[in-house]
C-alpha atoms as a PDB file:
ATOM      1  CA  MET A   1      13.640 -96.273 145.089  1.00  0.00           C
ATOM      2  CA  SER A   2      16.607 -97.673 143.112  1.00  0.00           C
ATOM      3  CA  LYS A   3      14.229 -99.168 140.533  1.00  0.00           C
ATOM      4  CA  GLU A   4      12.694 -95.704 139.999  1.00  0.00           C
ATOM      5  CA  ARG A   5      16.128 -94.119 139.571  1.00  0.00           C
ATOM      6  CA  ALA A   6      17.157 -96.838 137.164  1.00  0.00           C
ATOM      7  CA  ARG A   7      13.969 -96.283 135.101  1.00  0.00           C
ATOM      8  CA  ARG A   8      14.521 -92.517 134.980  1.00  0.00           C
ATOM      9  CA  ARG A   9      18.167 -92.992 134.044  1.00  0.00           C
ATOM     10  CA  ALA A  10      17.129 -95.383 131.275  1.00  0.00           C
ATOM     11  CA  GLU A  11      14.594 -92.803 130.023  1.00  0.00           C
ATOM     12  CA  ARG A  12      17.259 -90.075 130.098  1.00  0.00           C
ATOM     13  CA  GLU A  13      19.725 -92.265 128.222  1.00  0.00           C
ATOM     14  CA  ALA A  14      17.062 -93.192 125.663  1.00  0.00           C
ATOM     15  CA  GLU A  15      16.211 -89.504 125.169  1.00  0.00           C
ATOM     16  CA  GLN A  16      19.905 -88.627 124.833  1.00  0.00           C
ATOM     17  CA  ALA A  17      20.364 -91.432 122.310  1.00  0.00           C
ATOM     18  CA  ARG A  18      17.352 -90.178 120.309  1.00  0.00           C
ATOM     19  CA  GLN A  19      18.710 -86.612 120.351  1.00  0.00           C
ATOM     20  CA  ALA A  20      22.152 -87.863 119.323  1.00  0.00           C
ATOM     21  CA  ALA A  21      20.587 -89.765 116.397  1.00  0.00           C
ATOM     22  CA  VAL A  22      18.670 -86.655 115.303  1.00  0.00           C
ATOM     23  CA  ARG A  23      21.828 -84.559 115.613  1.00  0.00           C
ATOM     24  CA  ALA A  24      23.880 -87.110 113.650  1.00  0.00           C
ATOM     25  CA  GLU A  25      21.253 -87.195 110.858  1.00  0.00           C
ATOM     26  CA  ARG A  26      21.217 -83.378 110.693  1.00  0.00           C
ATOM     27  CA  GLU A  27      25.021 -83.224 110.557  1.00  0.00           C
ATOM     28  CA  ALA A  28      25.098 -85.906 107.847  1.00  0.00           C
ATOM     29  CA  ARG A  29      22.540 -83.945 105.798  1.00  0.00           C
ATOM     30  CA  MET A  30      24.578 -80.751 106.217  1.00  0.00           C
ATOM     31  CA  ALA A  31      27.753 -82.611 105.194  1.00  0.00           C
ATOM     32  CA  ARG A  32      26.027 -83.932 102.045  1.00  0.00           C
ATOM     33  CA  ARG A  33      24.828 -80.419 101.179  1.00  0.00           C
ATOM     34  CA  ARG A  34      28.279 -78.986 101.821  1.00  0.00           C
ATOM     35  CA  GLU A  35      29.889 -81.640  99.605  1.00  0.00           C
ATOM     36  CA  LEU A  36      27.358 -81.013  96.820  1.00  0.00           C
ATOM     37  CA  ARG A  37      27.930 -77.256  97.049  1.00  0.00           C
ATOM     38  CA  ASN A  38      31.710 -77.713  96.981  1.00  0.00           C
ATOM     39  CA  ARG A  39      31.484 -79.935  93.883  1.00  0.00           C
ATOM     40  CA  LEU A  40      29.240 -77.391  92.184  1.00  0.00           C
ATOM     41  CA  VAL A  41      31.512 -74.475  93.076  1.00  0.00           C
ATOM     42  CA  ALA A  42      34.525 -76.399  91.793  1.00  0.00           C
ATOM     43  CA  VAL A  43      32.857 -76.792  88.374  1.00  0.00           C
ATOM     44  CA  LEU A  44      31.623 -73.196  88.019  1.00  0.00           C
ATOM     45  CA  PRO A  45      34.009 -70.534  86.725  1.00  0.00           C
ATOM     46  CA  ARG A  46      35.315 -68.057  89.236  1.00  0.00           C
ATOM     47  CA  PRO A  47      33.947 -64.524  88.902  1.00  0.00           C
ATOM     48  CA  VAL A  48      36.475 -62.051  87.585  1.00  0.00           C
ATOM     49  CA  ARG A  49      36.289 -58.459  88.748  1.00  0.00           C
ATOM     50  CA  VAL A  50      37.402 -55.971  86.148  1.00  0.00           C
ATOM     51  CA  ALA A  51      38.430 -52.698  87.705  1.00  0.00           C
ATOM     52  CA  ARG A  52      38.236 -49.500  85.694  1.00  0.00           C
ATOM     53  CA  GLN A  53      41.297 -47.401  85.171  1.00  0.00           C
ATOM     54  CA  GLY A  54      41.201 -44.424  87.489  1.00  0.00           C
ATOM     55  CA  GLY A  55      43.723 -42.085  85.925  1.00  0.00           C
ATOM     56  CA  LEU A  56      43.152 -38.722  84.313  1.00  0.00           C
ATOM     57  CA  ILE A  57      43.451 -40.050  80.758  1.00  0.00           C
ATOM     58  CA  ALA A  58      40.995 -42.862  81.435  1.00  0.00           C
ATOM     59  CA  ARG A  59      38.452 -40.465  82.954  1.00  0.00           C
ATOM     60  CA  ARG A  60      38.831 -38.102  80.007  1.00  0.00           C
ATOM     61  CA  GLN A  61      38.390 -40.935  77.521  1.00  0.00           C
ATOM     62  CA  ARG A  62      35.247 -42.168  79.326  1.00  0.00           C
ATOM     63  CA  ALA A  63      33.830 -38.639  79.194  1.00  0.00           C
ATOM     64  CA  GLN A  64      34.626 -38.362  75.490  1.00  0.00           C
ATOM     65  CA  ASN A  65      33.000 -41.724  74.802  1.00  0.00           C
ATOM     66  CA  ALA A  66      29.918 -40.625  76.700  1.00  0.00           C
ATOM     67  CA  VAL A  67      29.719 -37.435  74.615  1.00  0.00           C
ATOM     68  CA  VAL A  68      30.007 -39.431  71.391  1.00  0.00           C
ATOM     69  CA  ALA A  69      27.312 -41.883  72.532  1.00  0.00           C
ATOM     70  CA  VAL A  70      24.940 -39.076  73.533  1.00  0.00           C
ATOM     71  CA  LEU A  71      25.481 -37.283  70.214  1.00  0.00           C
ATOM     72  CA  PHE A  72      24.890 -40.519  68.294  1.00  0.00           C
ATOM     73  CA  VAL A  73      21.610 -41.168  70.131  1.00  0.00           C
ATOM     74  CA  LEU A  74      20.575 -37.535  69.704  1.00  0.00           C
ATOM     75  CA  VAL A  75      21.182 -37.682  65.931  1.00  0.00           C
ATOM     76  CA  GLN A  76      19.130 -40.873  65.729  1.00  0.00           C
ATOM     77  CA  VAL A  77      16.236 -39.336  67.699  1.00  0.00           C
ATOM     78  CA  VAL A  78      16.237 -36.203  65.549  1.00  0.00           C
ATOM     79  CA  ALA A  79      16.340 -38.303  62.374  1.00  0.00           C
ATOM     80  CA  TRP A  80      13.467 -40.443  63.674  1.00  0.00           C
ATOM     81  CA  LEU A  81      11.379 -37.344  64.417  1.00  0.00           C
ATOM     82  CA  LEU A  82      12.149 -35.362  61.269  1.00  0.00           C
ATOM     83  CA  LEU A  83      12.303 -38.077  58.604  1.00  0.00           C
ATOM     84  CA  SER A  84       9.209 -40.042  57.706  1.00  0.00           C
ATOM     85  CA  GLY A  85      10.649 -42.736  55.461  1.00  0.00           C
ATOM     86  CA  TRP A  86      12.291 -45.882  56.738  1.00  0.00           C
ATOM     87  CA  ALA A  87      14.923 -45.703  54.039  1.00  0.00           C
ATOM     88  CA  ALA A  88      15.970 -42.225  55.180  1.00  0.00           C
ATOM     89  CA  ARG A  89      16.101 -43.316  58.838  1.00  0.00           C
ATOM     90  CA  LEU A  90      18.153 -46.368  57.922  1.00  0.00           C
ATOM     91  CA  GLY A  91      20.423 -44.179  55.794  1.00  0.00           C
ATOM     92  CA  VAL A  92      21.044 -41.829  58.727  1.00  0.00           C
ATOM     93  CA  LEU A  93      21.839 -44.826  60.935  1.00  0.00           C
ATOM     94  CA  VAL A  94      24.334 -46.283  58.451  1.00  0.00           C
ATOM     95  CA  LEU A  95      25.892 -42.885  57.796  1.00  0.00           C
ATOM     96  CA  SER A  96      26.186 -42.265  61.534  1.00  0.00           C
ATOM     97  CA  LEU A  97      27.849 -45.630  62.082  1.00  0.00           C
ATOM     98  CA  LEU A  98      30.355 -44.831  59.348  1.00  0.00           C
ATOM     99  CA  LEU A  99      31.059 -41.299  60.535  1.00  0.00           C
ATOM    100  CA  VAL A 100      31.449 -41.942  64.290  1.00  0.00           C
ATOM    101  CA  PRO A 101      34.993 -43.372  64.040  1.00  0.00           C
ATOM    102  CA  MET A 102      36.023 -40.511  61.791  1.00  0.00           C
ATOM    103  CA  LEU A 103      34.480 -38.002  64.213  1.00  0.00           C
ATOM    104  CA  ILE A 104      36.392 -39.560  67.099  1.00  0.00           C
ATOM    105  CA  THR A 105      39.652 -39.437  65.150  1.00  0.00           C
ATOM    106  CA  VAL A 106      39.245 -35.848  64.032  1.00  0.00           C
ATOM    107  CA  VAL A 107      37.770 -34.287  67.170  1.00  0.00           C
ATOM    108  CA  PHE A 108      39.536 -36.232  69.924  1.00  0.00           C
ATOM    109  CA  ASP A 109      43.239 -36.545  69.270  1.00  0.00           C
ATOM    110  CA  ARG A 110      44.034 -39.713  71.242  1.00  0.00           C
ATOM    111  CA  ARG A 111      47.628 -40.014  70.159  1.00  0.00           C
ATOM    112  CA  SER A 112      48.889 -38.069  73.159  1.00  0.00           C
END
C-alpha cells in the first residue's frame, strides 16, 4: 500500500511541477509583453486633449464661423452650377477667399 501511495504522490508532484513550469512560462511571456508595451508607450507621444472654450463669446464665435463657412460653400456651389467656365469658377473661388476675411471684419465686430 505504501508503494502505491508513494507512486501517486510522485505523479501528483510531477503534475504540479509541470503545471508550475507552464505557469512560469506564461508569466514570463506576459512579463516580456508588458516590458515591450511599456518601452513602446514610453517612446510614443502622450495624447493631448484640447478642450473647447465653453463661454458665451466662444459659442457665439463658433456660430459665426459656421455661418461664414456655410455661406462660403453655398457661394461655391452656386458658382459651380451657374458658371460653365473653369476660369470663372476659379475666379469666384479666389475672390471668395479674398473677401471672406473682409466680410468677417465688417459683419462681425470681434473687438468687443
